[in-house]
Every structure is written in structure tokens, then in C-alpha cells.
Amino acid sequence: MAIGIAGAAATVLALVTWYVVDTVREVDQDLDHRIARKVPCTEGMRFAGLEGLPPGARDSRCRMMSGIDTFYDVRFRIPRADLTAWLERTYPDAKPTADACLQHKADACAQFSPTPGSGAEAHVIDLNVTYESGNSASVRFAPFTT
């Protein structure tokens, strides 16, 4: 009988632990969505020291989270040739590669600093590029402070 009670107690404890962990994970996800707010993409690009989205960008959506640090998440689609030209002109030292995508599911990634003298508030910019069918690229441009 003691084994039956111990087994039942272990099962109840496992279920309670699972419930608490699952609830905390849901709260964390909800907090991320509540803390992040939609912003105009020009705001995120200005934070990186730029006037706006690159020529040819479309389907943009942007969010910002702020606390101790500030983080912008600027997403857009762009023709690959336009992205390459914009990067060469704006960030000539940024060379996105597949090897740099250690933590991201993307085809090419880079991390670099804003152009000196640009007035950027961001300290670092993460760039993740996913190539889509045709000649299109989905871009995540994320300037942030550290």
C-alpha cells in the first residue's frame, strides 16, 4: 500500500510541476507580447542612425521593447539585389554569412555596429536574412543597446 501512495504522490507532484512550468512559460510569452509595442518602422531605422527603410522594402512591420536596454525588431521583404546594394552602400563591412547564424534559423546573418557619426542610439545591429522563392529576401533588422 505504501508503494501505491508513494507512486500516486509522485504522479501528483509531477502533474503540479508540469502545470506550474507550463503556466510560467505562457505568462512569459504573454509578457513579451505586452511589453513589445508596434512602432513606425522609421522609428526603428532612426534608432540605427538611418533615415528609413531601404529602397525596395515592402511588407514592413516593426516593434520595440524597452527596459534597461532598448530593442527594435524591424522586419521587411526586399528584392535580393536591392538588399545587397543597400548593405554595400550603408554597411560596407557587414558581410552576412550562413556561419554567423548560430542562434537563428536564417540563410545569412551578421552583427555589426552602426556607422560612426550617424547619430545612432543603437550600439549593435543584428541582421538575419531568409531567402524566399524567386529573388525575394525576408529581413530581420534589429538595432539594440547593450
C-alpha atoms as a PDB file:
ATOM      1  CA  MET A   1       0.000   0.000   0.000  1.00  0.00           C
ATOM      2  CA  ALA A   2       2.871   2.417   0.785  1.00  0.00           C
ATOM      3  CA  ILE A   3       4.235   1.953  -2.733  1.00  0.00           C
ATOM      4  CA  GLY A   4       0.829   2.820  -4.181  1.00  0.00           C
ATOM      5  CA  ILE A   5       0.609   6.009  -2.103  1.00  0.00           C
ATOM      6  CA  ALA A   6       4.214   6.978  -2.962  1.00  0.00           C
ATOM      7  CA  GLY A   7       3.532   6.391  -6.657  1.00  0.00           C
ATOM      8  CA  ALA A   8       0.349   8.460  -6.510  1.00  0.00           C
ATOM      9  CA  ALA A   9       2.164  11.242  -4.655  1.00  0.00           C
ATOM     10  CA  ALA A  10       4.938  11.238  -7.261  1.00  0.00           C
ATOM     11  CA  THR A  11       2.365  11.420 -10.053  1.00  0.00           C
ATOM     12  CA  VAL A  12       0.537  14.326  -8.382  1.00  0.00           C
ATOM     13  CA  LEU A  13       3.845  16.135  -7.825  1.00  0.00           C
ATOM     14  CA  ALA A  14       4.827  15.628 -11.472  1.00  0.00           C
ATOM     15  CA  LEU A  15       1.463  16.979 -12.668  1.00  0.00           C
ATOM     16  CA  VAL A  16       1.670  20.021 -10.378  1.00  0.00           C
ATOM     17  CA  THR A  17       5.247  20.717 -11.537  1.00  0.00           C
ATOM     18  CA  TRP A  18       4.206  20.421 -15.190  1.00  0.00           C
ATOM     19  CA  TYR A  19       1.265  22.793 -14.596  1.00  0.00           C
ATOM     20  CA  VAL A  20       3.448  25.420 -12.880  1.00  0.00           C
ATOM     21  CA  VAL A  21       6.174  25.262 -15.555  1.00  0.00           C
ATOM     22  CA  ASP A  22       3.605  25.440 -18.366  1.00  0.00           C
ATOM     23  CA  THR A  23       1.814  28.388 -16.716  1.00  0.00           C
ATOM     24  CA  VAL A  24       5.063  30.316 -16.193  1.00  0.00           C
ATOM     25  CA  ARG A  25       6.035  29.736 -19.842  1.00  0.00           C
ATOM     26  CA  GLU A  26       2.649  31.083 -21.007  1.00  0.00           C
ATOM     27  CA  VAL A  27       2.995  34.139 -18.758  1.00  0.00           C
ATOM     28  CA  ASP A  28       6.498  34.803 -20.119  1.00  0.00           C
ATOM     29  CA  GLN A  29       5.198  34.625 -23.694  1.00  0.00           C
ATOM     30  CA  ASP A  30       2.304  36.950 -22.841  1.00  0.00           C
ATOM     31  CA  LEU A  31       4.669  39.408 -21.170  1.00  0.00           C
ATOM     32  CA  ASP A  32       6.866  39.539 -24.272  1.00  0.00           C
ATOM     33  CA  HIS A  33       3.809  40.427 -26.361  1.00  0.00           C
ATOM     34  CA  ARG A  34       2.600  43.029 -23.857  1.00  0.00           C
ATOM     35  CA  ILE A  35       5.995  44.673 -23.416  1.00  0.00           C
ATOM     36  CA  ALA A  36       6.726  44.879 -27.148  1.00  0.00           C
ATOM     37  CA  ARG A  37       4.736  47.606 -28.840  1.00  0.00           C
ATOM     38  CA  LYS A  38       4.183  48.318 -32.500  1.00  0.00           C
ATOM     39  CA  VAL A  39       6.064  51.364 -33.753  1.00  0.00           C
ATOM     40  CA  PRO A  40       6.565  53.063 -37.119  1.00  0.00           C
ATOM     41  CA  CYS A  41       9.465  51.430 -38.923  1.00  0.00           C
ATOM     42  CA  THR A  42      11.084  54.841 -39.427  1.00  0.00           C
ATOM     43  CA  GLU A  43      11.489  54.976 -35.624  1.00  0.00           C
ATOM     44  CA  GLY A  44      13.425  51.701 -35.584  1.00  0.00           C
ATOM     45  CA  MET A  45      15.579  52.748 -38.513  1.00  0.00           C
ATOM     46  CA  ARG A  46      16.341  56.143 -36.932  1.00  0.00           C
ATOM     47  CA  PHE A  47      17.436  54.298 -33.793  1.00  0.00           C
ATOM     48  CA  ALA A  48      20.046  52.674 -36.067  1.00  0.00           C
ATOM     49  CA  GLY A  49      21.042  56.081 -37.476  1.00  0.00           C
ATOM     50  CA  LEU A  50      19.177  55.703 -40.785  1.00  0.00           C
ATOM     51  CA  GLU A  51      16.511  57.797 -42.483  1.00  0.00           C
ATOM     52  CA  GLY A  52      14.147  54.920 -43.176  1.00  0.00           C
ATOM     53  CA  LEU A  53      13.742  51.516 -44.734  1.00  0.00           C
ATOM     54  CA  PRO A  54      15.989  50.577 -47.653  1.00  0.00           C
ATOM     55  CA  PRO A  55      14.730  51.298 -51.175  1.00  0.00           C
ATOM     56  CA  GLY A  56      12.607  48.402 -52.411  1.00  0.00           C
ATOM     57  CA  ALA A  57      11.498  47.292 -48.917  1.00  0.00           C
ATOM     58  CA  ARG A  58       7.871  46.231 -48.546  1.00  0.00           C
ATOM     59  CA  ASP A  59       5.589  44.378 -46.104  1.00  0.00           C
ATOM     60  CA  SER A  60       7.291  46.006 -43.121  1.00  0.00           C
ATOM     61  CA  ARG A  61       6.274  45.540 -39.514  1.00  0.00           C
ATOM     62  CA  CYS A  62       8.118  46.871 -36.512  1.00  0.00           C
ATOM     63  CA  ARG A  63       8.113  46.521 -32.740  1.00  0.00           C
ATOM     64  CA  MET A  64      10.105  47.983 -29.880  1.00  0.00           C
ATOM     65  CA  MET A  65      10.840  46.753 -26.379  1.00  0.00           C
ATOM     66  CA  SER A  66      12.417  48.970 -23.789  1.00  0.00           C
ATOM     67  CA  GLY A  67      13.587  48.411 -20.261  1.00  0.00           C
ATOM     68  CA  ILE A  68      17.195  48.602 -19.182  1.00  0.00           C
ATOM     69  CA  ASP A  69      18.091  48.210 -22.849  1.00  0.00           C
ATOM     70  CA  THR A  70      16.154  49.162 -25.960  1.00  0.00           C
ATOM     71  CA  PHE A  71      15.492  46.678 -28.751  1.00  0.00           C
ATOM     72  CA  TYR A  72      13.842  47.283 -32.128  1.00  0.00           C
ATOM     73  CA  ASP A  73      12.619  44.445 -34.320  1.00  0.00           C
ATOM     74  CA  VAL A  74      12.273  45.735 -37.902  1.00  0.00           C
ATOM     75  CA  ARG A  75      11.063  43.165 -40.431  1.00  0.00           C
ATOM     76  CA  PHE A  76      10.574  43.608 -44.144  1.00  0.00           C
ATOM     77  CA  ARG A  77      10.827  41.919 -47.520  1.00  0.00           C
ATOM     78  CA  ILE A  78      13.082  43.202 -50.247  1.00  0.00           C
ATOM     79  CA  PRO A  79      14.476  42.020 -53.597  1.00  0.00           C
ATOM     80  CA  ARG A  80      17.849  40.343 -53.001  1.00  0.00           C
ATOM     81  CA  ALA A  81      19.674  42.721 -55.352  1.00  0.00           C
ATOM     82  CA  ASP A  82      18.240  45.743 -53.500  1.00  0.00           C
ATOM     83  CA  LEU A  83      19.316  44.275 -50.152  1.00  0.00           C
ATOM     84  CA  THR A  84      22.845  43.629 -51.404  1.00  0.00           C
ATOM     85  CA  ALA A  85      23.153  47.153 -52.848  1.00  0.00           C
ATOM     86  CA  TRP A  86      21.784  48.745 -49.666  1.00  0.00           C
ATOM     87  CA  LEU A  87      24.128  46.766 -47.405  1.00  0.00           C
ATOM     88  CA  GLU A  88      27.172  47.576 -49.558  1.00  0.00           C
ATOM     89  CA  ARG A  89      26.264  51.263 -49.515  1.00  0.00           C
ATOM     90  CA  THR A  90      25.149  51.538 -45.872  1.00  0.00           C
ATOM     91  CA  TYR A  91      27.207  48.926 -44.045  1.00  0.00           C
ATOM     92  CA  PRO A  92      30.157  48.026 -46.296  1.00  0.00           C
ATOM     93  CA  ASP A  93      31.849  45.990 -43.550  1.00  0.00           C
ATOM     94  CA  ALA A  94      28.743  43.873 -42.850  1.00  0.00           C
ATOM     95  CA  LYS A  95      29.063  40.620 -44.736  1.00  0.00           C
ATOM     96  CA  PRO A  96      26.140  38.321 -43.855  1.00  0.00           C
ATOM     97  CA  THR A  97      27.112  34.641 -43.900  1.00  0.00           C
ATOM     98  CA  ALA A  98      25.430  31.350 -43.055  1.00  0.00           C
ATOM     99  CA  ASP A  99      28.147  30.655 -40.468  1.00  0.00           C
ATOM    100  CA  ALA A 100      27.032  33.687 -38.448  1.00  0.00           C
ATOM    101  CA  CYS A 101      23.523  32.235 -37.978  1.00  0.00           C
ATOM    102  CA  LEU A 102      24.354  30.234 -34.866  1.00  0.00           C
ATOM    103  CA  GLN A 103      21.210  31.135 -32.924  1.00  0.00           C
ATOM    104  CA  HIS A 104      18.857  31.991 -35.766  1.00  0.00           C
ATOM    105  CA  LYS A 105      17.065  29.991 -38.414  1.00  0.00           C
ATOM    106  CA  ALA A 106      18.143  32.124 -41.349  1.00  0.00           C
ATOM    107  CA  ASP A 107      20.214  31.799 -44.500  1.00  0.00           C
ATOM    108  CA  ALA A 108      22.629  34.647 -43.746  1.00  0.00           C
ATOM    109  CA  CYS A 109      23.340  36.675 -40.611  1.00  0.00           C
ATOM    110  CA  ALA A 110      25.611  39.457 -39.445  1.00  0.00           C
ATOM    111  CA  GLN A 111      26.146  41.531 -36.336  1.00  0.00           C
ATOM    112  CA  PHE A 112      27.738  44.953 -36.647  1.00  0.00           C
ATOM    113  CA  SER A 113      27.850  48.442 -35.172  1.00  0.00           C
ATOM    114  CA  PRO A 114      26.050  51.446 -36.631  1.00  0.00           C
ATOM    115  CA  THR A 115      28.020  53.775 -38.846  1.00  0.00           C
ATOM    116  CA  PRO A 116      30.081  56.220 -36.736  1.00  0.00           C
ATOM    117  CA  GLY A 117      28.689  59.748 -36.857  1.00  0.00           C
ATOM    118  CA  SER A 118      25.252  58.546 -37.978  1.00  0.00           C
ATOM    119  CA  GLY A 119      23.551  59.698 -34.786  1.00  0.00           C
ATOM    120  CA  ALA A 120      22.500  56.137 -33.991  1.00  0.00           C
ATOM    121  CA  GLU A 121      21.370  55.365 -30.470  1.00  0.00           C
ATOM    122  CA  ALA A 122      21.833  51.628 -31.047  1.00  0.00           C
ATOM    123  CA  HIS A 123      25.106  50.034 -30.035  1.00  0.00           C
ATOM    124  CA  VAL A 124      24.727  46.895 -32.142  1.00  0.00           C
ATOM    125  CA  ILE A 125      22.613  45.686 -35.074  1.00  0.00           C
ATOM    126  CA  ASP A 126      21.642  42.078 -35.738  1.00  0.00           C
ATOM    127  CA  LEU A 127      20.731  41.237 -39.322  1.00  0.00           C
ATOM    128  CA  ASN A 128      19.071  37.956 -40.294  1.00  0.00           C
ATOM    129  CA  VAL A 129      18.187  37.209 -43.912  1.00  0.00           C
ATOM    130  CA  THR A 130      16.000  34.354 -45.113  1.00  0.00           C
ATOM    131  CA  TYR A 131      15.905  33.827 -48.861  1.00  0.00           C
ATOM    132  CA  GLU A 132      12.453  33.247 -50.265  1.00  0.00           C
ATOM    133  CA  SER A 133      11.376  31.854 -53.605  1.00  0.00           C
ATOM    134  CA  GLY A 134      12.250  33.980 -56.578  1.00  0.00           C
ATOM    135  CA  ASN A 135      14.580  36.837 -55.831  1.00  0.00           C
ATOM    136  CA  SER A 136      12.995  37.976 -52.568  1.00  0.00           C
ATOM    137  CA  ALA A 137      14.540  38.095 -49.091  1.00  0.00           C
ATOM    138  CA  SER A 138      12.837  38.318 -45.713  1.00  0.00           C
ATOM    139  CA  VAL A 139      14.918  40.529 -43.421  1.00  0.00           C
ATOM    140  CA  ARG A 140      15.028  40.970 -39.660  1.00  0.00           C
ATOM    141  CA  PHE A 141      16.962  44.134 -38.827  1.00  0.00           C
ATOM    142  CA  ALA A 142      17.369  44.501 -35.065  1.00  0.00           C
ATOM    143  CA  PRO A 143      19.201  47.507 -33.626  1.00  0.00           C
ATOM    144  CA  PHE A 144      19.625  47.469 -29.850  1.00  0.00           C
ATOM    145  CA  THR A 145      21.545  48.867 -26.913  1.00  0.00           C
ATOM    146  CA  THR A 146      23.653  46.740 -24.612  1.00  0.00           C
END
